Amino acid sequence: MEHLGDYAASATETTAGHLVLVSKVKKDEIELLYAAHVEIRGRISSFLKQVSSQVEGNVPLDGISLRANLSSAWGAFMTEHIMRVHDYLDRDASDVVLYTAWRFSTLTAWGEASAARELALSLKIPVTTVHNRLRLARERGILASPGAGARLGR
C-alpha cells in the first residue's frame, strides 16, 4: 500500500493481474476513487504513485454497487484496503465507541456486509463487544439505527 497525503493506493495480485484500489480520506469518510483490474509492469509502488496522482477530481465510486458486482474474494480485497487505511490513519481510539462506530461506518459505506465481524477480527475482540459498542453509538446518536432488515447501507 502506498500513502500519498490523503490518498491511499493498493494493488492485490489476482490470477490475471492486480486489483488496484485508490481511496481518499475526506473528514470521517474514506472515498473509493479508483478500482481497476490491470497488469502492472515494473515496480508496483511506482505504478501506485502514478495512479494516485491521476485520480484527483475523480467522482467517488459507489462501493456498495461495485462490491455487488465483484466476486467475494475481490470484495475481501476492498475490505483489506480499507482496514489498512484505518491502521495507517492511526485515529484516536481512546473513545472506543466513537472509534468503532467510525470504522464500522466506513466499512458499510464500502458494502461490507459483515462489518462487525471484520472489526472484531481486526481489533482482536469478540464480535459481541463490537455489537455492544455499536448499540452504544446508536444510543449516543453517533450512528443511525439501521431499521429492521437494513443491510449494505441501503
Protein backbone atom coordinates (compact mmCIF):
# COMPACT_ATOMS: atom_id res chain seq x y z
CA MET A 1 0.00 0.00 0.00
CA GLU A 2 1.18 3.49 -0.84
CA HIS A 3 0.04 6.58 1.06
CA LEU A 4 0.34 9.98 -0.57
CA GLY A 5 -1.20 12.64 1.63
CA ASP A 6 -4.93 11.94 1.82
CA TYR A 7 -4.69 9.22 -0.83
CA ALA A 8 -4.08 5.51 -0.33
CA ALA A 9 -3.43 3.05 -3.15
CA SER A 10 -3.17 -0.72 -3.00
CA ALA A 11 -2.57 -3.47 -5.52
CA THR A 12 -3.61 -7.02 -4.76
CA GLU A 13 -2.36 -9.79 -7.01
CA THR A 14 -5.03 -11.93 -8.67
CA THR A 15 -4.73 -14.83 -11.07
CA ALA A 16 -4.83 -12.45 -14.04
CA GLY A 17 -3.13 -9.26 -12.87
CA HIS A 18 -3.71 -6.86 -9.99
CA LEU A 19 -6.81 -5.30 -8.50
CA VAL A 20 -5.82 -1.68 -7.91
CA LEU A 21 -7.80 0.49 -5.48
CA VAL A 22 -7.25 4.16 -4.72
CA SER A 23 -9.10 5.94 -1.95
CA LYS A 24 -9.08 9.38 -0.38
CA VAL A 25 -9.71 10.32 3.23
CA LYS A 26 -12.25 13.12 3.47
CA LYS A 27 -13.11 14.02 7.07
CA ASP A 28 -14.63 10.86 8.55
CA GLU A 29 -15.21 9.21 5.17
CA ILE A 30 -12.92 7.12 3.04
CA GLU A 31 -13.97 7.59 -0.58
CA LEU A 32 -13.18 5.00 -3.22
CA LEU A 33 -11.93 6.92 -6.26
CA TYR A 34 -10.49 4.23 -8.49
CA ALA A 35 -10.86 0.49 -8.95
CA ALA A 36 -9.38 -1.39 -11.87
CA HIS A 37 -8.02 -4.78 -12.75
CA VAL A 38 -4.73 -4.20 -14.52
CA GLU A 39 -1.48 -5.84 -15.41
CA ILE A 40 1.36 -3.99 -13.74
CA ARG A 41 4.74 -3.97 -15.40
CA GLY A 42 7.63 -2.70 -13.32
CA ARG A 43 7.57 -1.68 -9.68
CA ILE A 44 4.16 -1.79 -8.06
CA SER A 45 4.93 1.15 -5.77
CA SER A 46 5.79 3.35 -8.77
CA PHE A 47 2.58 2.35 -10.51
CA LEU A 48 0.52 3.11 -7.40
CA LYS A 49 2.12 6.54 -7.01
CA GLN A 50 1.38 7.31 -10.66
CA VAL A 51 -2.27 6.23 -10.41
CA SER A 52 -2.73 8.17 -7.15
CA SER A 53 -1.53 11.37 -8.79
CA GLN A 54 -4.09 10.95 -11.59
CA VAL A 55 -7.29 10.45 -9.56
CA GLU A 56 -7.65 13.94 -8.13
CA GLY A 57 -11.05 15.26 -9.17
CA ASN A 58 -12.49 11.78 -9.77
CA VAL A 59 -16.08 11.33 -8.64
CA PRO A 60 -16.22 8.81 -5.77
CA LEU A 61 -17.34 5.32 -6.77
CA ASP A 62 -20.30 3.62 -5.11
CA GLY A 63 -18.59 0.92 -3.07
CA ILE A 64 -21.84 -0.93 -2.43
CA SER A 65 -22.71 -1.26 -6.12
CA LEU A 66 -19.15 -2.11 -7.03
CA ARG A 67 -18.94 -4.85 -4.41
CA ALA A 68 -22.25 -6.29 -5.58
CA ASN A 69 -20.65 -6.91 -8.98
CA LEU A 70 -17.39 -8.39 -7.70
CA SER A 71 -16.51 -11.85 -6.51
CA SER A 72 -16.38 -12.36 -2.76
CA ALA A 73 -12.58 -12.63 -2.99
CA TRP A 74 -12.34 -9.23 -4.63
CA GLY A 75 -14.77 -7.83 -2.06
CA ALA A 76 -12.36 -9.10 0.58
CA PHE A 77 -9.59 -7.10 -1.15
CA MET A 78 -11.74 -3.98 -0.73
CA THR A 79 -12.17 -4.74 2.96
CA GLU A 80 -8.43 -5.31 3.36
CA HIS A 81 -7.73 -1.98 1.67
CA ILE A 82 -10.00 -0.02 3.98
CA MET A 83 -8.69 -1.82 7.07
CA ARG A 84 -5.13 -0.87 6.09
CA VAL A 85 -6.25 2.75 5.64
CA HIS A 86 -7.78 2.61 9.15
CA ASP A 87 -4.49 1.36 10.57
CA TYR A 88 -2.46 3.97 8.70
CA LEU A 89 -4.65 6.85 9.89
CA ASP A 90 -3.96 5.91 13.49
CA ARG A 91 -7.01 7.79 14.78
CA ASP A 92 -7.52 8.40 18.49
CA ALA A 93 -9.03 5.21 19.88
CA SER A 94 -9.49 6.45 23.46
CA ASP A 95 -13.27 6.67 22.90
CA VAL A 96 -13.77 3.07 21.81
CA VAL A 97 -17.44 3.61 20.94
CA LEU A 98 -16.68 6.53 18.62
CA TYR A 99 -13.67 4.74 17.11
CA THR A 100 -15.61 1.52 16.48
CA ALA A 101 -18.55 3.44 15.00
CA TRP A 102 -16.24 5.30 12.61
CA ARG A 103 -14.58 2.11 11.39
CA PHE A 104 -17.95 0.37 11.09
CA SER A 105 -19.46 3.21 9.07
CA THR A 106 -16.55 3.30 6.61
CA LEU A 107 -16.78 -0.46 6.10
CA THR A 108 -20.52 -0.42 5.50
CA ALA A 109 -20.16 2.52 3.10
CA TRP A 110 -17.98 0.22 1.00
CA GLY A 111 -20.59 -2.53 1.13
CA GLU A 112 -19.03 -4.82 3.74
CA ALA A 113 -21.96 -6.99 4.85
CA SER A 114 -20.05 -8.44 7.82
CA ALA A 115 -18.52 -5.22 9.12
CA ALA A 116 -18.93 -6.12 12.81
CA ARG A 117 -17.23 -9.48 12.30
CA GLU A 118 -14.40 -7.91 10.29
CA LEU A 119 -13.89 -5.29 13.01
CA ALA A 120 -13.83 -7.95 15.70
CA LEU A 121 -11.14 -9.84 13.81
CA SER A 122 -9.12 -6.68 13.18
CA LEU A 123 -9.39 -5.37 16.74
CA LYS A 124 -8.96 -8.86 18.24
CA ILE A 125 -12.11 -8.57 20.35
CA PRO A 126 -15.33 -10.62 20.45
CA VAL A 127 -17.99 -9.67 17.93
CA THR A 128 -20.42 -9.17 20.83
CA THR A 129 -18.14 -6.37 22.07
CA VAL A 130 -18.37 -4.71 18.65
CA HIS A 131 -22.16 -5.12 18.70
CA ASN A 132 -22.33 -3.56 22.17
CA ARG A 133 -20.20 -0.61 21.07
CA LEU A 134 -22.43 -0.09 18.02
CA ARG A 135 -25.53 -0.18 20.23
CA LEU A 136 -23.96 2.45 22.48
CA ALA A 137 -23.03 4.53 19.42
CA ARG A 138 -26.66 4.44 18.29
CA GLU A 139 -27.84 5.43 21.77
CA ARG A 140 -25.37 8.36 21.73
CA GLY A 141 -26.57 9.43 18.28
CA ILE A 142 -23.23 8.69 16.61
CA LEU A 143 -24.77 6.05 14.33
CA ALA A 144 -28.29 5.97 12.98
CA SER A 145 -30.34 2.87 13.72
CA PRO A 146 -30.40 0.77 10.59
CA GLY A 147 -34.02 -0.32 10.94
CA ALA A 148 -35.48 -3.78 10.52
CA GLY A 149 -33.73 -5.79 7.87
CA ALA A 150 -31.38 -2.98 6.81
CA ARG A 151 -28.21 -4.20 5.18
CA LEU A 152 -25.40 -2.98 2.98
CA GLY A 153 -26.02 0.69 3.69
CA ARG A 154 -29.41 0.68 1.97
